[in-house]
Amino acid sequence: MRTTSSAPAMLFLALLTLLVGCADDPYDILIRGGMVLDGSGTEAVITDVAVQGDRIAAVGDLDGALAERVIDASGLYVAPGFIDLHSHASGGLASQGRSVARALLAQGITTAVINPDGGGPVDQVEQREALMEHGLGVNVVQLAPHASIRREAMDGSHDRAPTEAEMEEMRRMTREGMEAGAFGLSTGLFYTPGFYAETDEIIDLARIVAEFDGVHSSHIRDESDYSIGVVAAVQEIIDISRESGVAGIVSHVKALGPNVWGQSAEIVERIQAARDEGIEVWADQYPYNASATGFTAALVPAWARDGGTDAMIERFQDPETAPRIREGIA
């Protein structure tokens, strides 16, 4: 057998092959000599993988096997489908032309986690029905979106704390979302109205999510030095996890801009210290060196966005507030 692996990984593959057996008839697909990653965290194993129908039929040294299609995977990795932990593909997946998700599958993505950054529909059931209308080419994981929940409970995007009645409505919607199958809570604390929420508000809702063993995935409050600073923003996610018991995820972690370059070391140290303390905190990162967001969110000060787009435009037209907005943009 061709291997460059640890004993546990080889034992797993040997057992799998024994369980499924080897077919006398040719396999549909035989992937030869690839570096196989089984998803368990062990090192890659150079071996063969056989597929019959829609199932993996055998894993191991299959030198004598035949197949209708043989793929030489030498020098390539063979892996289970990838999970996109932060996907904005929900709109496309709910459309007739894109529900098959060919663009995602071409990248090896077989699961998409949607409603990131606190955005997306509050009604998880209605969204799921829309996604299923035309069939789905990938698995989809829903998150309950904090910003949408806050906006609905408070009747708009307001820079203030919720009343107790509004907070109770937010709790109700969060719980309903989790009961309907949401995997966790998403927040966009950099964006409005998420930016207007104090940490205690998120902790309150995260405690509900923790009851369901859910996660809290967050576009943190600051990825640079725009407000509280990136290190403090990462610490906020750690604090939320510590107080609520929910697993926290720092979405697409980065140190954005020259002013905070070098602070990545402290970010990693803080996350590792929290994990050593027993707090479940994670970070994900995209594999490219650019980012994208809305023009308004990136440049217009949060105070100028209070009340939504119409209120913001009025401030643009006000001769007293317009100079302050320009100063904030600069």
C-alpha atoms as a PDB file:
ATOM      1  CA  MET A   1       0.000   0.000   0.000  1.00  0.00           C
ATOM      2  CA  ARG A   2       1.301   3.474  -0.871  1.00  0.00           C
ATOM      3  CA  THR A   3       1.214   5.560   2.312  1.00  0.00           C
ATOM      4  CA  THR A   4       2.835   8.550   3.957  1.00  0.00           C
ATOM      5  CA  SER A   5       0.586   8.585   6.967  1.00  0.00           C
ATOM      6  CA  SER A   6       0.095   7.984  10.658  1.00  0.00           C
ATOM      7  CA  ALA A   7      -1.154   4.649  12.006  1.00  0.00           C
ATOM      8  CA  PRO A   8      -4.601   5.981  13.107  1.00  0.00           C
ATOM      9  CA  ALA A   9      -5.397   7.236   9.636  1.00  0.00           C
ATOM     10  CA  MET A  10      -4.320   3.986   8.013  1.00  0.00           C
ATOM     11  CA  LEU A  11      -6.377   1.975  10.516  1.00  0.00           C
ATOM     12  CA  PHE A  12      -9.440   4.073   9.652  1.00  0.00           C
ATOM     13  CA  LEU A  13      -8.971   3.508   5.935  1.00  0.00           C
ATOM     14  CA  ALA A  14      -8.300  -0.213   6.349  1.00  0.00           C
ATOM     15  CA  LEU A  15     -11.432  -0.680   8.439  1.00  0.00           C
ATOM     16  CA  LEU A  16     -13.501   1.305   5.940  1.00  0.00           C
ATOM     17  CA  THR A  17     -12.300  -0.896   3.112  1.00  0.00           C
ATOM     18  CA  LEU A  18     -13.081  -4.059   5.078  1.00  0.00           C
ATOM     19  CA  LEU A  19     -16.567  -2.799   5.897  1.00  0.00           C
ATOM     20  CA  VAL A  20     -17.570  -1.902   2.361  1.00  0.00           C
ATOM     21  CA  GLY A  21     -15.643  -4.712   0.703  1.00  0.00           C
ATOM     22  CA  CYS A  22     -14.422  -4.738  -2.868  1.00  0.00           C
ATOM     23  CA  ALA A  23     -16.745  -5.092  -5.818  1.00  0.00           C
ATOM     24  CA  ASP A  24     -16.180  -7.804  -8.424  1.00  0.00           C
ATOM     25  CA  ASP A  25     -17.691  -5.602 -11.100  1.00  0.00           C
ATOM     26  CA  PRO A  26     -15.939  -2.439 -12.253  1.00  0.00           C
ATOM     27  CA  TYR A  27     -16.417   0.659 -10.123  1.00  0.00           C
ATOM     28  CA  ASP A  28     -17.992   3.739 -11.626  1.00  0.00           C
ATOM     29  CA  ILE A  29     -15.015   5.927 -10.706  1.00  0.00           C
ATOM     30  CA  LEU A  30     -11.555   5.053  -9.433  1.00  0.00           C
ATOM     31  CA  ILE A  31      -9.396   7.887  -8.094  1.00  0.00           C
ATOM     32  CA  ARG A  32      -5.806   6.654  -8.004  1.00  0.00           C
ATOM     33  CA  GLY A  33      -2.839   7.829  -5.964  1.00  0.00           C
ATOM     34  CA  GLY A  34      -4.286  10.978  -4.458  1.00  0.00           C
ATOM     35  CA  MET A  35      -3.398  12.408  -1.055  1.00  0.00           C
ATOM     36  CA  VAL A  36      -6.599  11.496   0.793  1.00  0.00           C
ATOM     37  CA  LEU A  37      -7.826  13.691   3.658  1.00  0.00           C
ATOM     38  CA  ASP A  38     -10.684  12.011   5.512  1.00  0.00           C
ATOM     39  CA  GLY A  39     -11.802  15.041   7.517  1.00  0.00           C
ATOM     40  CA  SER A  40     -10.709  13.626  10.886  1.00  0.00           C
ATOM     41  CA  GLY A  41      -7.692  15.908  11.226  1.00  0.00           C
ATOM     42  CA  THR A  42      -5.108  13.214  10.523  1.00  0.00           C
ATOM     43  CA  GLU A  43      -2.372  13.570   7.926  1.00  0.00           C
ATOM     44  CA  ALA A  44      -3.008  12.846   4.277  1.00  0.00           C
ATOM     45  CA  VAL A  45      -2.739   9.267   3.035  1.00  0.00           C
ATOM     46  CA  ILE A  46      -1.547   8.499  -0.496  1.00  0.00           C
ATOM     47  CA  THR A  47      -4.046   5.862  -1.591  1.00  0.00           C
ATOM     48  CA  ASP A  48      -6.966   5.061  -3.906  1.00  0.00           C
ATOM     49  CA  VAL A  49     -10.680   5.825  -3.645  1.00  0.00           C
ATOM     50  CA  ALA A  50     -13.421   3.957  -5.497  1.00  0.00           C
ATOM     51  CA  VAL A  51     -16.930   5.302  -6.088  1.00  0.00           C
ATOM     52  CA  GLN A  52     -20.003   3.248  -6.925  1.00  0.00           C
ATOM     53  CA  GLY A  53     -23.204   5.179  -7.621  1.00  0.00           C
ATOM     54  CA  ASP A  54     -23.413   7.956  -5.038  1.00  0.00           C
ATOM     55  CA  ARG A  55     -21.286   6.211  -2.397  1.00  0.00           C
ATOM     56  CA  ILE A  56     -17.609   5.702  -1.635  1.00  0.00           C
ATOM     57  CA  ALA A  57     -17.257   1.961  -2.181  1.00  0.00           C
ATOM     58  CA  ALA A  58     -13.648   1.383  -1.130  1.00  0.00           C
ATOM     59  CA  VAL A  59     -10.558   3.194   0.125  1.00  0.00           C
ATOM     60  CA  GLY A  60      -7.097   1.627   0.036  1.00  0.00           C
ATOM     61  CA  ASP A  61      -4.674  -0.061  -2.336  1.00  0.00           C
ATOM     62  CA  LEU A  62      -6.917  -0.841  -5.330  1.00  0.00           C
ATOM     63  CA  ASP A  63      -4.200  -1.651  -7.882  1.00  0.00           C
ATOM     64  CA  GLY A  64      -6.147  -4.574  -9.358  1.00  0.00           C
ATOM     65  CA  ALA A  65      -9.480  -2.797  -9.535  1.00  0.00           C
ATOM     66  CA  LEU A  66     -11.241  -1.724 -12.718  1.00  0.00           C
ATOM     67  CA  ALA A  67     -13.498   1.268 -13.270  1.00  0.00           C
ATOM     68  CA  GLU A  68     -15.456   2.930 -16.039  1.00  0.00           C
ATOM     69  CA  ARG A  69     -13.559   6.118 -15.322  1.00  0.00           C
ATOM     70  CA  VAL A  70     -10.079   6.315 -13.805  1.00  0.00           C
ATOM     71  CA  ILE A  71      -8.714   9.603 -12.463  1.00  0.00           C
ATOM     72  CA  ASP A  72      -4.986   9.977 -11.832  1.00  0.00           C
ATOM     73  CA  ALA A  73      -4.848  12.138  -8.705  1.00  0.00           C
ATOM     74  CA  SER A  74      -1.072  11.994  -8.244  1.00  0.00           C
ATOM     75  CA  GLY A  75       0.098  15.150  -6.497  1.00  0.00           C
ATOM     76  CA  LEU A  76      -3.487  16.204  -5.780  1.00  0.00           C
ATOM     77  CA  TYR A  77      -5.596  16.134  -2.630  1.00  0.00           C
ATOM     78  CA  VAL A  78      -8.782  14.085  -2.392  1.00  0.00           C
ATOM     79  CA  ALA A  79     -11.095  15.399   0.316  1.00  0.00           C
ATOM     80  CA  PRO A  80     -14.713  15.472   1.464  1.00  0.00           C
ATOM     81  CA  GLY A  81     -16.700  18.507   0.355  1.00  0.00           C
ATOM     82  CA  PHE A  82     -15.669  21.827   1.850  1.00  0.00           C
ATOM     83  CA  ILE A  83     -17.879  23.923   4.134  1.00  0.00           C
ATOM     84  CA  ASP A  84     -18.168  27.625   3.287  1.00  0.00           C
ATOM     85  CA  LEU A  85     -18.579  29.017   6.800  1.00  0.00           C
ATOM     86  CA  HIS A  86     -19.596  32.490   5.622  1.00  0.00           C
ATOM     87  CA  SER A  87     -21.734  32.424   2.496  1.00  0.00           C
ATOM     88  CA  HIS A  88     -23.807  35.171   0.902  1.00  0.00           C
ATOM     89  CA  ALA A  89     -25.189  32.714  -1.665  1.00  0.00           C
ATOM     90  CA  SER A  90     -28.693  32.415  -0.197  1.00  0.00           C
ATOM     91  CA  GLY A  91     -30.334  34.590  -2.860  1.00  0.00           C
ATOM     92  CA  GLY A  92     -28.778  32.640  -5.708  1.00  0.00           C
ATOM     93  CA  LEU A  93     -29.558  29.291  -4.110  1.00  0.00           C
ATOM     94  CA  ALA A  94     -33.217  30.287  -3.864  1.00  0.00           C
ATOM     95  CA  SER A  95     -33.389  31.117  -7.571  1.00  0.00           C
ATOM     96  CA  GLN A  96     -34.338  28.634 -10.260  1.00  0.00           C
ATOM     97  CA  GLY A  97     -31.230  29.143 -12.344  1.00  0.00           C
ATOM     98  CA  ARG A  98     -28.654  28.921  -9.576  1.00  0.00           C
ATOM     99  CA  SER A  99     -30.160  26.510  -7.065  1.00  0.00           C
ATOM    100  CA  VAL A 100     -28.001  23.738  -8.524  1.00  0.00           C
ATOM    101  CA  ALA A 101     -24.978  25.640  -7.127  1.00  0.00           C
ATOM    102  CA  ARG A 102     -22.581  24.733  -9.927  1.00  0.00           C
ATOM    103  CA  ALA A 103     -20.270  27.619  -9.019  1.00  0.00           C
ATOM    104  CA  LEU A 104     -19.962  26.330  -5.454  1.00  0.00           C
ATOM    105  CA  LEU A 105     -19.546  22.694  -6.441  1.00  0.00           C
ATOM    106  CA  ALA A 106     -16.815  23.666  -8.916  1.00  0.00           C
ATOM    107  CA  GLN A 107     -14.835  24.931  -5.907  1.00  0.00           C
ATOM    108  CA  GLY A 108     -15.450  21.729  -3.950  1.00  0.00           C
ATOM    109  CA  ILE A 109     -17.990  23.429  -1.670  1.00  0.00           C
ATOM    110  CA  THR A 110     -20.798  21.089  -0.671  1.00  0.00           C
ATOM    111  CA  THR A 111     -22.144  22.966   2.369  1.00  0.00           C
ATOM    112  CA  ALA A 112     -22.897  26.695   2.628  1.00  0.00           C
ATOM    113  CA  VAL A 113     -23.569  28.492   5.921  1.00  0.00           C
ATOM    114  CA  ILE A 114     -25.906  31.375   5.075  1.00  0.00           C
ATOM    115  CA  ASN A 115     -27.286  34.531   6.747  1.00  0.00           C
ATOM    116  CA  PRO A 116     -23.883  35.843   7.885  1.00  0.00           C
ATOM    117  CA  ASP A 117     -23.108  39.298   9.335  1.00  0.00           C
ATOM    118  CA  GLY A 118     -26.474  39.447  11.106  1.00  0.00           C
ATOM    119  CA  GLY A 119     -28.350  39.624   7.785  1.00  0.00           C
ATOM    120  CA  GLY A 120     -31.000  37.492   6.151  1.00  0.00           C
ATOM    121  CA  PRO A 121     -34.653  36.661   6.804  1.00  0.00           C
ATOM    122  CA  VAL A 122     -35.927  36.342  10.354  1.00  0.00           C
ATOM    123  CA  ASP A 123     -38.320  33.536   9.372  1.00  0.00           C
ATOM    124  CA  GLN A 124     -36.134  30.453   9.003  1.00  0.00           C
ATOM    125  CA  VAL A 125     -39.004  28.236   7.856  1.00  0.00           C
ATOM    126  CA  GLU A 126     -40.024  30.598   5.063  1.00  0.00           C
ATOM    127  CA  GLN A 127     -36.415  30.904   3.907  1.00  0.00           C
ATOM    128  CA  ARG A 128     -35.988  27.130   3.903  1.00  0.00           C
ATOM    129  CA  GLU A 129     -39.124  26.682   1.789  1.00  0.00           C
ATOM    130  CA  ALA A 130     -37.792  29.224  -0.711  1.00  0.00           C
ATOM    131  CA  LEU A 131     -34.465  27.411  -0.861  1.00  0.00           C
ATOM    132  CA  MET A 132     -36.119  24.051  -1.431  1.00  0.00           C
ATOM    133  CA  GLU A 133     -38.551  25.264  -4.104  1.00  0.00           C
ATOM    134  CA  HIS A 134     -36.231  24.499  -7.014  1.00  0.00           C
ATOM    135  CA  GLY A 135     -34.073  21.863  -5.317  1.00  0.00           C
ATOM    136  CA  LEU A 136     -30.596  22.420  -3.898  1.00  0.00           C
ATOM    137  CA  GLY A 137     -27.230  21.372  -5.245  1.00  0.00           C
ATOM    138  CA  VAL A 138     -25.505  21.786  -1.872  1.00  0.00           C
ATOM    139  CA  ASN A 139     -26.304  21.411   1.800  1.00  0.00           C
ATOM    140  CA  VAL A 140     -27.358  24.657   3.482  1.00  0.00           C
ATOM    141  CA  VAL A 141     -26.942  25.691   7.118  1.00  0.00           C
ATOM    142  CA  GLN A 142     -29.044  28.622   8.342  1.00  0.00           C
ATOM    143  CA  LEU A 143     -28.110  31.158  11.007  1.00  0.00           C
ATOM    144  CA  ALA A 144     -30.529  33.374  12.931  1.00  0.00           C
ATOM    145  CA  PRO A 145     -29.613  36.956  11.890  1.00  0.00           C
ATOM    146  CA  HIS A 146     -29.263  39.399  14.796  1.00  0.00           C
ATOM    147  CA  ALA A 147     -29.443  42.592  12.724  1.00  0.00           C
ATOM    148  CA  SER A 148     -32.672  41.542  11.027  1.00  0.00           C
ATOM    149  CA  ILE A 149     -34.144  40.483  14.369  1.00  0.00           C
ATOM    150  CA  ARG A 150     -33.154  43.795  15.979  1.00  0.00           C
ATOM    151  CA  ARG A 151     -34.481  45.855  13.091  1.00  0.00           C
ATOM    152  CA  GLU A 152     -37.842  44.068  13.171  1.00  0.00           C
ATOM    153  CA  ALA A 153     -38.202  44.209  16.964  1.00  0.00           C
ATOM    154  CA  MET A 154     -37.255  47.907  17.122  1.00  0.00           C
ATOM    155  CA  ASP A 155     -39.087  48.936  13.931  1.00  0.00           C
ATOM    156  CA  GLY A 156     -35.986  50.241  12.233  1.00  0.00           C
ATOM    157  CA  SER A 157     -32.243  50.787  12.505  1.00  0.00           C
ATOM    158  CA  HIS A 158     -31.926  52.885  15.652  1.00  0.00           C
ATOM    159  CA  ASP A 159     -28.862  53.955  17.627  1.00  0.00           C
ATOM    160  CA  ARG A 160     -30.203  53.142  21.076  1.00  0.00           C
ATOM    161  CA  ALA A 161     -30.668  50.275  23.484  1.00  0.00           C
ATOM    162  CA  PRO A 162     -33.859  48.251  23.082  1.00  0.00           C
ATOM    163  CA  THR A 163     -36.669  48.625  25.577  1.00  0.00           C
ATOM    164  CA  GLU A 164     -37.436  45.578  27.710  1.00  0.00           C
ATOM    165  CA  ALA A 165     -40.435  44.840  25.485  1.00  0.00           C
ATOM    166  CA  GLU A 166     -38.253  45.070  22.366  1.00  0.00           C
ATOM    167  CA  MET A 167     -35.596  42.895  23.980  1.00  0.00           C
ATOM    168  CA  GLU A 168     -38.203  40.277  24.836  1.00  0.00           C
ATOM    169  CA  GLU A 169     -39.344  40.312  21.206  1.00  0.00           C
ATOM    170  CA  MET A 170     -35.736  39.765  20.103  1.00  0.00           C
ATOM    171  CA  ARG A 171     -35.454  36.831  22.505  1.00  0.00           C
ATOM    172  CA  ARG A 172     -38.654  35.355  21.110  1.00  0.00           C
ATOM    173  CA  MET A 173     -37.504  35.609  17.493  1.00  0.00           C
ATOM    174  CA  THR A 174     -34.089  34.170  18.319  1.00  0.00           C
ATOM    175  CA  ARG A 175     -35.641  31.212  20.118  1.00  0.00           C
ATOM    176  CA  GLU A 176     -38.099  30.634  17.266  1.00  0.00           C
ATOM    177  CA  GLY A 177     -35.232  30.668  14.805  1.00  0.00           C
ATOM    178  CA  MET A 178     -33.296  28.090  16.790  1.00  0.00           C
ATOM    179  CA  GLU A 179     -36.377  25.903  17.231  1.00  0.00           C
ATOM    180  CA  ALA A 180     -36.938  26.100  13.468  1.00  0.00           C
ATOM    181  CA  GLY A 181     -33.500  24.631  12.833  1.00  0.00           C
ATOM    182  CA  ALA A 182     -31.015  27.514  12.839  1.00  0.00           C
ATOM    183  CA  PHE A 183     -27.473  26.377  13.605  1.00  0.00           C
ATOM    184  CA  GLY A 184     -26.700  29.495  15.619  1.00  0.00           C
ATOM    185  CA  LEU A 185     -26.712  33.289  15.731  1.00  0.00           C
ATOM    186  CA  SER A 186     -24.943  35.596  13.306  1.00  0.00           C
ATOM    187  CA  THR A 187     -24.010  39.167  14.173  1.00  0.00           C
ATOM    188  CA  GLY A 188     -22.598  41.993  12.112  1.00  0.00           C
ATOM    189  CA  LEU A 189     -21.338  44.305  14.854  1.00  0.00           C
ATOM    190  CA  PHE A 190     -19.427  46.364  12.285  1.00  0.00           C
ATOM    191  CA  TYR A 191     -22.649  47.139  10.420  1.00  0.00           C
ATOM    192  CA  THR A 192     -25.777  48.987  11.483  1.00  0.00           C
ATOM    193  CA  PRO A 193     -27.923  48.221  13.374  1.00  0.00           C
ATOM    194  CA  GLY A 194     -25.589  45.610  14.874  1.00  0.00           C
ATOM    195  CA  PHE A 195     -23.064  48.330  15.695  1.00  0.00           C
ATOM    196  CA  TYR A 196     -25.665  49.995  17.913  1.00  0.00           C
ATOM    197  CA  ALA A 197     -26.005  46.878  20.089  1.00  0.00           C
ATOM    198  CA  GLU A 198     -24.086  46.740  23.357  1.00  0.00           C
ATOM    199  CA  THR A 199     -22.236  43.556  24.252  1.00  0.00           C
ATOM    200  CA  ASP A 200     -24.823  42.645  26.899  1.00  0.00           C
ATOM    201  CA  GLU A 201     -27.530  42.543  24.234  1.00  0.00           C
ATOM    202  CA  ILE A 202     -25.599  39.903  22.287  1.00  0.00           C
ATOM    203  CA  ILE A 203     -24.819  37.923  25.443  1.00  0.00           C
ATOM    204  CA  ASP A 204     -28.539  37.850  26.260  1.00  0.00           C
ATOM    205  CA  LEU A 205     -29.420  36.337  22.882  1.00  0.00           C
ATOM    206  CA  ALA A 206     -26.366  34.089  22.810  1.00  0.00           C
ATOM    207  CA  ARG A 207     -27.529  32.421  26.033  1.00  0.00           C
ATOM    208  CA  ILE A 208     -30.631  31.264  24.154  1.00  0.00           C
ATOM    209  CA  VAL A 209     -28.456  29.920  21.339  1.00  0.00           C
ATOM    210  CA  ALA A 210     -26.272  28.082  23.870  1.00  0.00           C
ATOM    211  CA  GLU A 211     -29.335  26.140  25.041  1.00  0.00           C
ATOM    212  CA  PHE A 212     -29.398  24.562  21.568  1.00  0.00           C
ATOM    213  CA  ASP A 213     -25.600  23.991  21.438  1.00  0.00           C
ATOM    214  CA  GLY A 214     -25.498  26.596  18.687  1.00  0.00           C
ATOM    215  CA  VAL A 215     -22.707  28.891  17.571  1.00  0.00           C
ATOM    216  CA  HIS A 216     -22.245  32.658  17.400  1.00  0.00           C
ATOM    217  CA  SER A 217     -20.596  33.726  14.151  1.00  0.00           C
ATOM    218  CA  SER A 218     -19.656  37.398  14.009  1.00  0.00           C
ATOM    219  CA  HIS A 219     -18.338  40.031  11.657  1.00  0.00           C
ATOM    220  CA  ILE A 220     -16.674  41.717  14.601  1.00  0.00           C
ATOM    221  CA  ARG A 221     -17.166  45.340  15.621  1.00  0.00           C
ATOM    222  CA  ASP A 222     -13.837  46.525  14.238  1.00  0.00           C
ATOM    223  CA  GLU A 223     -11.300  44.797  11.995  1.00  0.00           C
ATOM    224  CA  SER A 224      -8.962  47.782  11.972  1.00  0.00           C
ATOM    225  CA  ASP A 225      -8.749  50.952  14.087  1.00  0.00           C
ATOM    226  CA  TYR A 226     -12.080  52.511  13.109  1.00  0.00           C
ATOM    227  CA  SER A 227     -13.797  52.336  16.507  1.00  0.00           C
ATOM    228  CA  ILE A 228     -12.686  50.081  19.391  1.00  0.00           C
ATOM    229  CA  GLY A 229      -9.817  48.421  17.490  1.00  0.00           C
ATOM    230  CA  VAL A 230      -9.491  44.901  16.144  1.00  0.00           C
ATOM    231  CA  VAL A 231      -7.968  43.371  19.297  1.00  0.00           C
ATOM    232  CA  ALA A 232     -10.779  44.688  21.502  1.00  0.00           C
ATOM    233  CA  ALA A 233     -13.331  43.507  18.932  1.00  0.00           C
ATOM    234  CA  VAL A 234     -11.943  39.956  19.043  1.00  0.00           C
ATOM    235  CA  GLN A 235     -11.955  40.141  22.840  1.00  0.00           C
ATOM    236  CA  GLU A 236     -15.653  41.050  22.698  1.00  0.00           C
ATOM    237  CA  ILE A 237     -16.416  37.726  20.973  1.00  0.00           C
ATOM    238  CA  ILE A 238     -14.391  35.901  23.629  1.00  0.00           C
ATOM    239  CA  ASP A 239     -16.300  37.729  26.382  1.00  0.00           C
ATOM    240  CA  ILE A 240     -19.657  36.863  24.790  1.00  0.00           C
ATOM    241  CA  SER A 241     -18.660  33.194  24.684  1.00  0.00           C
ATOM    242  CA  ARG A 242     -17.398  33.268  28.266  1.00  0.00           C
ATOM    243  CA  GLU A 243     -20.603  34.810  29.619  1.00  0.00           C
ATOM    244  CA  SER A 244     -23.122  32.907  27.476  1.00  0.00           C
ATOM    245  CA  GLY A 245     -21.492  29.518  27.000  1.00  0.00           C
ATOM    246  CA  VAL A 246     -21.966  29.694  23.230  1.00  0.00           C
ATOM    247  CA  ALA A 247     -19.206  28.688  20.799  1.00  0.00           C
ATOM    248  CA  GLY A 248     -17.869  31.890  19.228  1.00  0.00           C
ATOM    249  CA  ILE A 249     -16.487  32.326  15.713  1.00  0.00           C
ATOM    250  CA  VAL A 250     -14.568  35.391  14.526  1.00  0.00           C
ATOM    251  CA  SER A 251     -15.561  35.587  10.875  1.00  0.00           C
ATOM    252  CA  HIS A 252     -12.837  36.120   8.239  1.00  0.00           C
ATOM    253  CA  VAL A 253     -10.323  37.221  10.874  1.00  0.00           C
ATOM    254  CA  LYS A 254      -7.872  39.862   9.669  1.00  0.00           C
ATOM    255  CA  ALA A 255      -5.816  42.889  10.661  1.00  0.00           C
ATOM    256  CA  LEU A 256      -7.157  45.390   8.141  1.00  0.00           C
ATOM    257  CA  GLY A 257      -4.854  48.224   7.140  1.00  0.00           C
ATOM    258  CA  PRO A 258      -1.276  49.311   7.930  1.00  0.00           C
ATOM    259  CA  ASN A 259      -2.252  50.851  11.280  1.00  0.00           C
ATOM    260  CA  VAL A 260      -3.009  47.416  12.744  1.00  0.00           C
ATOM    261  CA  TRP A 261      -0.546  45.249  10.837  1.00  0.00           C
ATOM    262  CA  GLY A 262       1.312  43.152  13.383  1.00  0.00           C
ATOM    263  CA  GLN A 263      -1.614  42.905  15.786  1.00  0.00           C
ATOM    264  CA  SER A 264      -2.502  39.494  14.357  1.00  0.00           C
ATOM    265  CA  ALA A 265      -0.063  37.920  16.832  1.00  0.00           C
ATOM    266  CA  GLU A 266      -2.017  39.314  19.787  1.00  0.00           C
ATOM    267  CA  ILE A 267      -5.305  38.205  18.214  1.00  0.00           C
ATOM    268  CA  VAL A 268      -4.021  34.632  17.952  1.00  0.00           C
ATOM    269  CA  GLU A 269      -2.648  34.765  21.509  1.00  0.00           C
ATOM    270  CA  ARG A 270      -5.994  35.929  22.914  1.00  0.00           C
ATOM    271  CA  ILE A 271      -7.976  33.253  21.095  1.00  0.00           C
ATOM    272  CA  GLN A 272      -5.531  30.575  22.183  1.00  0.00           C
ATOM    273  CA  ALA A 273      -5.619  31.815  25.797  1.00  0.00           C
ATOM    274  CA  ALA A 274      -9.418  31.636  25.750  1.00  0.00           C
ATOM    275  CA  ARG A 275      -9.316  28.097  24.383  1.00  0.00           C
ATOM    276  CA  ASP A 276      -6.796  27.111  27.062  1.00  0.00           C
ATOM    277  CA  GLU A 277      -9.263  28.508  29.588  1.00  0.00           C
ATOM    278  CA  GLY A 278     -11.919  26.163  28.210  1.00  0.00           C
ATOM    279  CA  ILE A 279     -13.851  28.759  26.220  1.00  0.00           C
ATOM    280  CA  GLU A 280     -14.823  27.509  22.758  1.00  0.00           C
ATOM    281  CA  VAL A 281     -13.684  30.249  20.381  1.00  0.00           C
ATOM    282  CA  TRP A 282     -12.706  29.840  16.743  1.00  0.00           C
ATOM    283  CA  ALA A 283     -11.716  32.001  13.793  1.00  0.00           C
ATOM    284  CA  ASP A 284     -12.084  31.430  10.066  1.00  0.00           C
ATOM    285  CA  GLN A 285     -10.147  33.077   7.277  1.00  0.00           C
ATOM    286  CA  TYR A 286     -10.667  33.355   3.548  1.00  0.00           C
ATOM    287  CA  PRO A 287      -7.857  32.290   1.195  1.00  0.00           C
ATOM    288  CA  TYR A 288      -7.327  35.588  -0.629  1.00  0.00           C
ATOM    289  CA  ASN A 289      -5.810  38.977   0.214  1.00  0.00           C
ATOM    290  CA  ALA A 290      -8.764  41.252  -0.505  1.00  0.00           C
ATOM    291  CA  SER A 291     -12.128  41.925   1.076  1.00  0.00           C
ATOM    292  CA  ALA A 292     -15.410  43.462   0.004  1.00  0.00           C
ATOM    293  CA  THR A 293     -18.226  45.283   1.765  1.00  0.00           C
ATOM    294  CA  GLY A 294     -20.751  48.035   1.177  1.00  0.00           C
ATOM    295  CA  PHE A 295     -19.553  51.552   0.352  1.00  0.00           C
ATOM    296  CA  THR A 296     -21.751  53.083   3.054  1.00  0.00           C
ATOM    297  CA  ALA A 297     -20.683  50.633   5.756  1.00  0.00           C
ATOM    298  CA  ALA A 298     -17.025  51.153   4.920  1.00  0.00           C
ATOM    299  CA  LEU A 299     -16.983  54.945   4.838  1.00  0.00           C
ATOM    300  CA  VAL A 300     -20.020  56.643   6.384  1.00  0.00           C
ATOM    301  CA  PRO A 301     -19.828  57.051  10.200  1.00  0.00           C
ATOM    302  CA  ALA A 302     -22.297  54.884  12.121  1.00  0.00           C
ATOM    303  CA  TRP A 303     -23.944  57.900  13.788  1.00  0.00           C
ATOM    304  CA  ALA A 304     -24.864  59.245  10.335  1.00  0.00           C
ATOM    305  CA  ARG A 305     -26.665  55.974   9.505  1.00  0.00           C
ATOM    306  CA  ASP A 306     -28.956  56.082  12.525  1.00  0.00           C
ATOM    307  CA  GLY A 307     -32.565  55.623  11.400  1.00  0.00           C
ATOM    308  CA  GLY A 308     -31.782  54.034   8.044  1.00  0.00           C
ATOM    309  CA  THR A 309     -31.074  55.225   4.522  1.00  0.00           C
ATOM    310  CA  ASP A 310     -33.657  58.024   4.328  1.00  0.00           C
ATOM    311  CA  ALA A 311     -32.430  59.567   7.561  1.00  0.00           C
ATOM    312  CA  MET A 312     -28.831  59.306   6.362  1.00  0.00           C
ATOM    313  CA  ILE A 313     -29.639  61.081   3.090  1.00  0.00           C
ATOM    314  CA  GLU A 314     -31.303  63.901   5.021  1.00  0.00           C
ATOM    315  CA  ARG A 315     -28.073  64.361   6.975  1.00  0.00           C
ATOM    316  CA  PHE A 316     -26.133  64.502   3.696  1.00  0.00           C
ATOM    317  CA  GLN A 317     -28.374  67.388   2.656  1.00  0.00           C
ATOM    318  CA  ASP A 318     -28.174  69.207   5.992  1.00  0.00           C
ATOM    319  CA  PRO A 319     -25.522  71.988   5.835  1.00  0.00           C
ATOM    320  CA  GLU A 320     -24.677  71.420   9.518  1.00  0.00           C
ATOM    321  CA  THR A 321     -24.240  67.635   9.478  1.00  0.00           C
ATOM    322  CA  ALA A 322     -22.816  67.217   5.962  1.00  0.00           C
ATOM    323  CA  PRO A 323     -19.358  68.612   6.902  1.00  0.00           C
ATOM    324  CA  ARG A 324     -19.215  66.244   9.898  1.00  0.00           C
ATOM    325  CA  ILE A 325     -20.012  63.300   7.628  1.00  0.00           C
ATOM    326  CA  ARG A 326     -17.289  64.333   5.183  1.00  0.00           C
ATOM    327  CA  GLU A 327     -14.843  64.610   8.077  1.00  0.00           C
ATOM    328  CA  GLY A 328     -15.820  61.142   9.284  1.00  0.00           C
ATOM    329  CA  ILE A 329     -15.356  59.695   5.791  1.00  0.00           C
ATOM    330  CA  ALA A 330     -11.909  61.273   5.554  1.00  0.00           C
END
